[in-house]
């Protein structure tokens, strides 16, 4: 089974910027694609948020970030 998630969150937080990130995630039982706009203080912060948001519990669980770019 392949699932696809797409969502956009736009929130202005002082001192933070928006990063558009996309990738895939899953485990031995299921895999899916995702994309999301994270409000973060850095690219590393956005990537960390993505890992936390899309991590699943299960055998061989993974989150791959293919792209994470600053939005203008």
PDB file of N, CA and C in Angstrom:
ATOM      1  N   UNK A   1       0.844  -1.170   0.000  1.00  0.00           N
ATOM      2  CA  UNK A   1       0.000   0.000   0.000  1.00  0.00           C
ATOM      3  C   UNK A   1       0.889   1.233   0.000  1.00  0.00           C
ATOM      4  N   UNK A   2       0.583   2.183  -0.855  1.00  0.00           N
ATOM      5  CA  UNK A   2       1.311   3.439  -0.920  1.00  0.00           C
ATOM      6  C   UNK A   2       0.355   4.559  -0.543  1.00  0.00           C
ATOM      7  N   UNK A   3       0.800   5.411   0.386  1.00  0.00           N
ATOM      8  CA  UNK A   3      -0.028   6.537   0.787  1.00  0.00           C
ATOM      9  C   UNK A   3       0.677   7.833   0.433  1.00  0.00           C
ATOM     10  N   UNK A   4      -0.086   8.849   0.151  1.00  0.00           N
ATOM     11  CA  UNK A   4       0.473  10.150  -0.164  1.00  0.00           C
ATOM     12  C   UNK A   4      -0.180  11.187   0.726  1.00  0.00           C
ATOM     13  N   UNK A   5       0.650  12.006   1.368  1.00  0.00           N
ATOM     14  CA  UNK A   5       0.155  13.063   2.229  1.00  0.00           C
ATOM     15  C   UNK A   5       0.645  14.391   1.684  1.00  0.00           C
ATOM     16  N   UNK A   6      -0.197  15.362   1.664  1.00  0.00           N
ATOM     17  CA  UNK A   6       0.179  16.705   1.228  1.00  0.00           C
ATOM     18  C   UNK A   6      -0.560  17.698   2.100  1.00  0.00           C
ATOM     19  N   UNK A   7       0.185  18.655   2.616  1.00  0.00           N
ATOM     20  CA  UNK A   7      -0.441  19.633   3.471  1.00  0.00           C
ATOM     21  C   UNK A   7       0.389  20.896   3.472  1.00  0.00           C
ATOM     22  N   UNK A   8      -0.246  22.007   3.712  1.00  0.00           N
ATOM     23  CA  UNK A   8       0.451  23.269   3.785  1.00  0.00           C
ATOM     24  C   UNK A   8       0.028  23.994   5.056  1.00  0.00           C
ATOM     25  N   UNK A   9       1.016  24.418   5.808  1.00  0.00           N
ATOM     26  CA  UNK A   9       0.738  25.209   7.001  1.00  0.00           C
ATOM     27  C   UNK A   9       1.515  26.507   6.885  1.00  0.00           C
ATOM     28  N   UNK A  10       0.825  27.599   6.971  1.00  0.00           N
ATOM     29  CA  UNK A  10       1.489  28.886   6.865  1.00  0.00           C
ATOM     30  C   UNK A  10       1.243  29.635   8.165  1.00  0.00           C
ATOM     31  N   UNK A  11       2.314  29.825   8.906  1.00  0.00           N
ATOM     32  CA  UNK A  11       2.206  30.531  10.175  1.00  0.00           C
ATOM     33  C   UNK A  11       3.438  31.404  10.338  1.00  0.00           C
ATOM     34  N   UNK A  12       3.247  32.651  10.650  1.00  0.00           N
ATOM     35  CA  UNK A  12       4.376  33.551  10.835  1.00  0.00           C
ATOM     36  C   UNK A  12       4.794  33.575  12.285  1.00  0.00           C
ATOM     37  N   UNK A  13       6.028  33.198  12.546  1.00  0.00           N
ATOM     38  CA  UNK A  13       6.579  33.229  13.884  1.00  0.00           C
ATOM     39  C   UNK A  13       7.835  34.075  13.827  1.00  0.00           C
ATOM     40  N   UNK A  14       7.924  35.046  14.699  1.00  0.00           N
ATOM     41  CA  UNK A  14       9.051  35.971  14.688  1.00  0.00           C
ATOM     42  C   UNK A  14      10.378  35.239  14.796  1.00  0.00           C
ATOM     43  N   UNK A  15      11.333  35.608  13.927  1.00  0.00           N
ATOM     44  CA  UNK A  15      12.659  35.011  13.942  1.00  0.00           C
ATOM     45  C   UNK A  15      12.745  33.668  13.234  1.00  0.00           C
ATOM     46  N   UNK A  16      11.655  33.217  12.625  1.00  0.00           N
ATOM     47  CA  UNK A  16      11.660  31.942  11.913  1.00  0.00           C
ATOM     48  C   UNK A  16      11.235  32.159  10.476  1.00  0.00           C
ATOM     49  N   UNK A  17      11.599  31.219   9.626  1.00  0.00           N
ATOM     50  CA  UNK A  17      11.264  31.290   8.214  1.00  0.00           C
ATOM     51  C   UNK A  17      10.566  30.005   7.798  1.00  0.00           C
ATOM     52  N   UNK A  18      10.005  30.013   6.600  1.00  0.00           N
ATOM     53  CA  UNK A  18       9.297  28.840   6.111  1.00  0.00           C
ATOM     54  C   UNK A  18      10.184  28.047   5.153  1.00  0.00           C
ATOM     55  N   UNK A  19      10.201  26.734   5.363  1.00  0.00           N
ATOM     56  CA  UNK A  19      10.969  25.809   4.528  1.00  0.00           C
ATOM     57  C   UNK A  19      10.012  24.785   3.934  1.00  0.00           C
ATOM     58  N   UNK A  20      10.070  24.626   2.620  1.00  0.00           N
ATOM     59  CA  UNK A  20       9.279  23.599   1.943  1.00  0.00           C
ATOM     60  C   UNK A  20      10.132  22.333   1.902  1.00  0.00           C
ATOM     61  N   UNK A  21       9.623  21.291   2.515  1.00  0.00           N
ATOM     62  CA  UNK A  21      10.355  20.027   2.574  1.00  0.00           C
ATOM     63  C   UNK A  21       9.495  18.918   1.984  1.00  0.00           C
ATOM     64  N   UNK A  22      10.152  17.928   1.377  1.00  0.00           N
ATOM     65  CA  UNK A  22       9.431  16.763   0.861  1.00  0.00           C
ATOM     66  C   UNK A  22      10.325  15.544   0.938  1.00  0.00           C
ATOM     67  N   UNK A  23       9.685  14.377   0.944  1.00  0.00           N
ATOM     68  CA  UNK A  23      10.434  13.138   1.021  1.00  0.00           C
ATOM     69  C   UNK A  23       9.502  11.942   1.080  1.00  0.00           C
ATOM     70  N   UNK A  24       9.990  10.870   1.697  1.00  0.00           N
ATOM     71  CA  UNK A  24       9.175   9.672   1.862  1.00  0.00           C
ATOM     72  C   UNK A  24       9.408   9.087   3.248  1.00  0.00           C
ATOM     73  N   UNK A  25       8.509   8.196   3.653  1.00  0.00           N
ATOM     74  CA  UNK A  25       8.598   7.595   4.981  1.00  0.00           C
ATOM     75  C   UNK A  25       7.881   6.259   4.970  1.00  0.00           C
ATOM     76  N   UNK A  26       8.124   5.484   6.013  1.00  0.00           N
ATOM     77  CA  UNK A  26       7.421   4.215   6.122  1.00  0.00           C
ATOM     78  C   UNK A  26       8.134   3.228   7.010  1.00  0.00           C
ATOM     79  N   UNK A  27       7.743   1.977   6.838  1.00  0.00           N
ATOM     80  CA  UNK A  27       8.351   0.862   7.550  1.00  0.00           C
ATOM     81  C   UNK A  27       8.163  -0.395   6.702  1.00  0.00           C
ATOM     82  N   UNK A  28       8.356  -1.569   7.290  1.00  0.00           N
ATOM     83  CA  UNK A  28       8.223  -2.817   6.530  1.00  0.00           C
ATOM     84  C   UNK A  28       6.803  -3.040   6.004  1.00  0.00           C
ATOM     85  N   UNK A  29       5.804  -2.393   6.620  1.00  0.00           N
ATOM     86  CA  UNK A  29       4.413  -2.644   6.257  1.00  0.00           C
ATOM     87  C   UNK A  29       3.795  -1.602   5.337  1.00  0.00           C
ATOM     88  N   UNK A  30       4.326  -0.396   5.326  1.00  0.00           N
ATOM     89  CA  UNK A  30       3.689   0.682   4.565  1.00  0.00           C
ATOM     90  C   UNK A  30       4.721   1.762   4.250  1.00  0.00           C
ATOM     91  N   UNK A  31       4.546   2.430   3.122  1.00  0.00           N
ATOM     92  CA  UNK A  31       5.430   3.520   2.707  1.00  0.00           C
ATOM     93  C   UNK A  31       4.589   4.624   2.110  1.00  0.00           C
ATOM     94  N   UNK A  32       5.086   5.854   2.174  1.00  0.00           N
ATOM     95  CA  UNK A  32       4.331   6.963   1.614  1.00  0.00           C
ATOM     96  C   UNK A  32       5.221   8.152   1.303  1.00  0.00           C
ATOM     97  N   UNK A  33       4.671   9.081   0.558  1.00  0.00           N
ATOM     98  CA  UNK A  33       5.343  10.326   0.210  1.00  0.00           C
ATOM     99  C   UNK A  33       4.739  11.447   1.045  1.00  0.00           C
ATOM    100  N   UNK A  34       5.504  12.487   1.289  1.00  0.00           N
ATOM    101  CA  UNK A  34       5.000  13.624   2.042  1.00  0.00           C
ATOM    102  C   UNK A  34       5.628  14.911   1.529  1.00  0.00           C
ATOM    103  N   UNK A  35       4.933  16.017   1.745  1.00  0.00           N
ATOM    104  CA  UNK A  35       5.508  17.346   1.570  1.00  0.00           C
ATOM    105  C   UNK A  35       4.786  18.278   2.535  1.00  0.00           C
ATOM    106  N   UNK A  36       5.511  19.290   3.004  1.00  0.00           N
ATOM    107  CA  UNK A  36       4.967  20.148   4.049  1.00  0.00           C
ATOM    108  C   UNK A  36       5.794  21.423   4.126  1.00  0.00           C
ATOM    109  N   UNK A  37       5.186  22.511   4.564  1.00  0.00           N
ATOM    110  CA  UNK A  37       5.929  23.742   4.821  1.00  0.00           C
ATOM    111  C   UNK A  37       6.089  23.873   6.328  1.00  0.00           C
ATOM    112  N   UNK A  38       7.351  23.868   6.782  1.00  0.00           N
ATOM    113  CA  UNK A  38       7.672  23.968   8.201  1.00  0.00           C
ATOM    114  C   UNK A  38       8.133  25.385   8.521  1.00  0.00           C
ATOM    115  N   UNK A  39       7.698  25.917   9.646  1.00  0.00           N
ATOM    116  CA  UNK A  39       8.193  27.195  10.143  1.00  0.00           C
ATOM    117  C   UNK A  39       9.318  26.866  11.110  1.00  0.00           C
ATOM    118  N   UNK A  40      10.540  27.294  10.743  1.00  0.00           N
ATOM    119  CA  UNK A  40      11.715  26.866  11.497  1.00  0.00           C
ATOM    120  C   UNK A  40      12.783  27.961  11.515  1.00  0.00           C
ATOM    121  N   UNK A  41      13.720  27.834  12.440  1.00  0.00           N
ATOM    122  CA  UNK A  41      14.798  28.808  12.565  1.00  0.00           C
ATOM    123  C   UNK A  41      15.958  28.509  11.617  1.00  0.00           C
ATOM    124  N   UNK A  42      16.001  27.291  11.052  1.00  0.00           N
ATOM    125  CA  UNK A  42      17.072  26.903  10.128  1.00  0.00           C
ATOM    126  C   UNK A  42      16.626  25.690   9.315  1.00  0.00           C
ATOM    127  N   UNK A  43      17.383  25.378   8.290  1.00  0.00           N
ATOM    128  CA  UNK A  43      17.100  24.187   7.484  1.00  0.00           C
ATOM    129  C   UNK A  43      17.190  22.932   8.357  1.00  0.00           C
ATOM    130  N   UNK A  44      18.194  22.895   9.221  1.00  0.00           N
ATOM    131  CA  UNK A  44      18.361  21.735  10.107  1.00  0.00           C
ATOM    132  C   UNK A  44      17.158  21.581  11.040  1.00  0.00           C
ATOM    133  N   UNK A  45      16.619  22.708  11.523  1.00  0.00           N
ATOM    134  CA  UNK A  45      15.438  22.675  12.377  1.00  0.00           C
ATOM    135  C   UNK A  45      14.231  22.145  11.601  1.00  0.00           C
ATOM    136  N   UNK A  46      14.064  22.592  10.354  1.00  0.00           N
ATOM    137  CA  UNK A  46      12.958  22.106   9.514  1.00  0.00           C
ATOM    138  C   UNK A  46      13.090  20.605   9.267  1.00  0.00           C
ATOM    139  N   UNK A  47      14.299  20.141   8.991  1.00  0.00           N
ATOM    140  CA  UNK A  47      14.525  18.708   8.762  1.00  0.00           C
ATOM    141  C   UNK A  47      14.228  17.903  10.023  1.00  0.00           C
ATOM    142  N   UNK A  48      14.601  18.437  11.178  1.00  0.00           N
ATOM    143  CA  UNK A  48      14.328  17.760  12.443  1.00  0.00           C
ATOM    144  C   UNK A  48      12.817  17.662  12.694  1.00  0.00           C
ATOM    145  N   UNK A  49      12.101  18.752  12.396  1.00  0.00           N
ATOM    146  CA  UNK A  49      10.641  18.732  12.544  1.00  0.00           C
ATOM    147  C   UNK A  49      10.016  17.685  11.618  1.00  0.00           C
ATOM    148  N   UNK A  50      10.533  17.585  10.397  1.00  0.00           N
ATOM    149  CA  UNK A  50      10.007  16.605   9.433  1.00  0.00           C
ATOM    150  C   UNK A  50      10.218  15.186   9.942  1.00  0.00           C
ATOM    151  N   UNK A  51      11.409  14.916  10.463  1.00  0.00           N
ATOM    152  CA  UNK A  51      11.684  13.577  10.984  1.00  0.00           C
ATOM    153  C   UNK A  51      10.729  13.221  12.117  1.00  0.00           C
ATOM    154  N   UNK A  52      10.476  14.173  13.003  1.00  0.00           N
ATOM    155  CA  UNK A  52       9.568  13.921  14.122  1.00  0.00           C
ATOM    156  C   UNK A  52       8.130  13.732  13.640  1.00  0.00           C
ATOM    157  N   UNK A  53       7.707  14.565  12.688  1.00  0.00           N
ATOM    158  CA  UNK A  53       6.318  14.511  12.226  1.00  0.00           C
ATOM    159  C   UNK A  53       6.002  13.238  11.450  1.00  0.00           C
ATOM    160  N   UNK A  54       6.951  12.753  10.649  1.00  0.00           N
ATOM    161  CA  UNK A  54       6.644  11.634   9.752  1.00  0.00           C
ATOM    162  C   UNK A  54       7.211  10.294  10.209  1.00  0.00           C
ATOM    163  N   UNK A  55       7.889  10.254  11.344  1.00  0.00           N
ATOM    164  CA  UNK A  55       8.418   8.986  11.852  1.00  0.00           C
ATOM    165  C   UNK A  55       7.268   8.085  12.273  1.00  0.00           C
ATOM    166  N   UNK A  56       7.330   6.846  11.851  1.00  0.00           N
ATOM    167  CA  UNK A  56       6.331   5.855  12.243  1.00  0.00           C
ATOM    168  C   UNK A  56       7.003   4.803  13.121  1.00  0.00           C
ATOM    169  N   UNK A  57       6.223   4.167  13.955  1.00  0.00           N
ATOM    170  CA  UNK A  57       6.739   3.073  14.775  1.00  0.00           C
ATOM    171  C   UNK A  57       6.534   1.784  14.005  1.00  0.00           C
ATOM    172  N   UNK A  58       7.570   1.011  13.880  1.00  0.00           N
ATOM    173  CA  UNK A  58       7.458  -0.261  13.181  1.00  0.00           C
ATOM    174  C   UNK A  58       8.829  -0.760  12.789  1.00  0.00           C
ATOM    175  N   UNK A  59       8.886  -2.005  12.337  1.00  0.00           N
ATOM    176  CA  UNK A  59      10.168  -2.577  11.936  1.00  0.00           C
ATOM    177  C   UNK A  59      10.762  -1.808  10.758  1.00  0.00           C
ATOM    178  N   UNK A  60      12.011  -1.440  10.879  1.00  0.00           N
ATOM    179  CA  UNK A  60      12.762  -0.731   9.834  1.00  0.00           C
ATOM    180  C   UNK A  60      12.102   0.591   9.426  1.00  0.00           C
ATOM    181  N   UNK A  61      11.573   1.327  10.406  1.00  0.00           N
ATOM    182  CA  UNK A  61      10.945   2.622  10.131  1.00  0.00           C
ATOM    183  C   UNK A  61      11.997   3.609   9.627  1.00  0.00           C
ATOM    184  N   UNK A  62      11.569   4.480   8.703  1.00  0.00           N
ATOM    185  CA  UNK A  62      12.500   5.461   8.140  1.00  0.00           C
ATOM    186  C   UNK A  62      11.771   6.734   7.737  1.00  0.00           C
ATOM    187  N   UNK A  63      12.507   7.833   7.678  1.00  0.00           N
ATOM    188  CA  UNK A  63      12.058   9.101   7.113  1.00  0.00           C
ATOM    189  C   UNK A  63      13.206   9.596   6.244  1.00  0.00           C
ATOM    190  N   UNK A  64      12.962   9.771   4.952  1.00  0.00           N
ATOM    191  CA  UNK A  64      13.957  10.327   4.039  1.00  0.00           C
ATOM    192  C   UNK A  64      13.517  11.721   3.621  1.00  0.00           C
ATOM    193  N   UNK A  65      14.426  12.672   3.732  1.00  0.00           N
ATOM    194  CA  UNK A  65      14.151  14.039   3.306  1.00  0.00           C
ATOM    195  C   UNK A  65      14.883  14.247   1.983  1.00  0.00           C
ATOM    196  N   UNK A  66      14.109  14.432   0.929  1.00  0.00           N
ATOM    197  CA  UNK A  66      14.675  14.588  -0.411  1.00  0.00           C
ATOM    198  C   UNK A  66      15.029  16.042  -0.712  1.00  0.00           C
ATOM    199  N   UNK A  67      14.262  16.970  -0.123  1.00  0.00           N
ATOM    200  CA  UNK A  67      14.459  18.390  -0.397  1.00  0.00           C
ATOM    201  C   UNK A  67      13.921  19.191   0.764  1.00  0.00           C
ATOM    202  N   UNK A  68      14.610  20.268   1.113  1.00  0.00           N
ATOM    203  CA  UNK A  68      14.141  21.183   2.129  1.00  0.00           C
ATOM    204  C   UNK A  68      14.690  22.555   1.762  1.00  0.00           C
ATOM    205  N   UNK A  69      13.845  23.413   1.199  1.00  0.00           N
ATOM    206  CA  UNK A  69      14.319  24.693   0.674  1.00  0.00           C
ATOM    207  C   UNK A  69      13.597  25.857   1.328  1.00  0.00           C
ATOM    208  N   UNK A  70      14.324  26.937   1.520  1.00  0.00           N
ATOM    209  CA  UNK A  70      13.794  28.155   2.095  1.00  0.00           C
ATOM    210  C   UNK A  70      12.819  28.794   1.115  1.00  0.00           C
ATOM    211  N   UNK A  71      11.646  29.184   1.618  1.00  0.00           N
ATOM    212  CA  UNK A  71      10.637  29.824   0.781  1.00  0.00           C
ATOM    213  C   UNK A  71      10.814  31.334   0.828  1.00  0.00           C
ATOM    214  N   UNK A  72      10.633  31.974  -0.293  1.00  0.00           N
ATOM    215  CA  UNK A  72      10.759  33.443  -0.355  1.00  0.00           C
ATOM    216  C   UNK A  72       9.438  34.102  -0.121  1.00  0.00           C
TER     217      UNK A  72
END
